[in-house]
């Protein structure tokens, strides 16, 4: 798997997962438990991972969707 984005923003993370799920791209979140253990102070962002083969398409989908949001 390859990292697509790294964030502490739960809304952005959830939104990105929804965009990718709609396109049939499987995602996985890493560092979820570690970030919770550190008390959500933002020291350890969560990483959104996608399959290596899906990464180029996923990056384009997220960039396009972010542009549409303004």
Foldseek 3Di string as FASTA:
>chain_A
DDFQDWALDPVLVVVLCVLCVVVVWDKDKPCPVVCVVVPVPGPGTITIDTPPVCRVVSNVSSVVVVVVVD
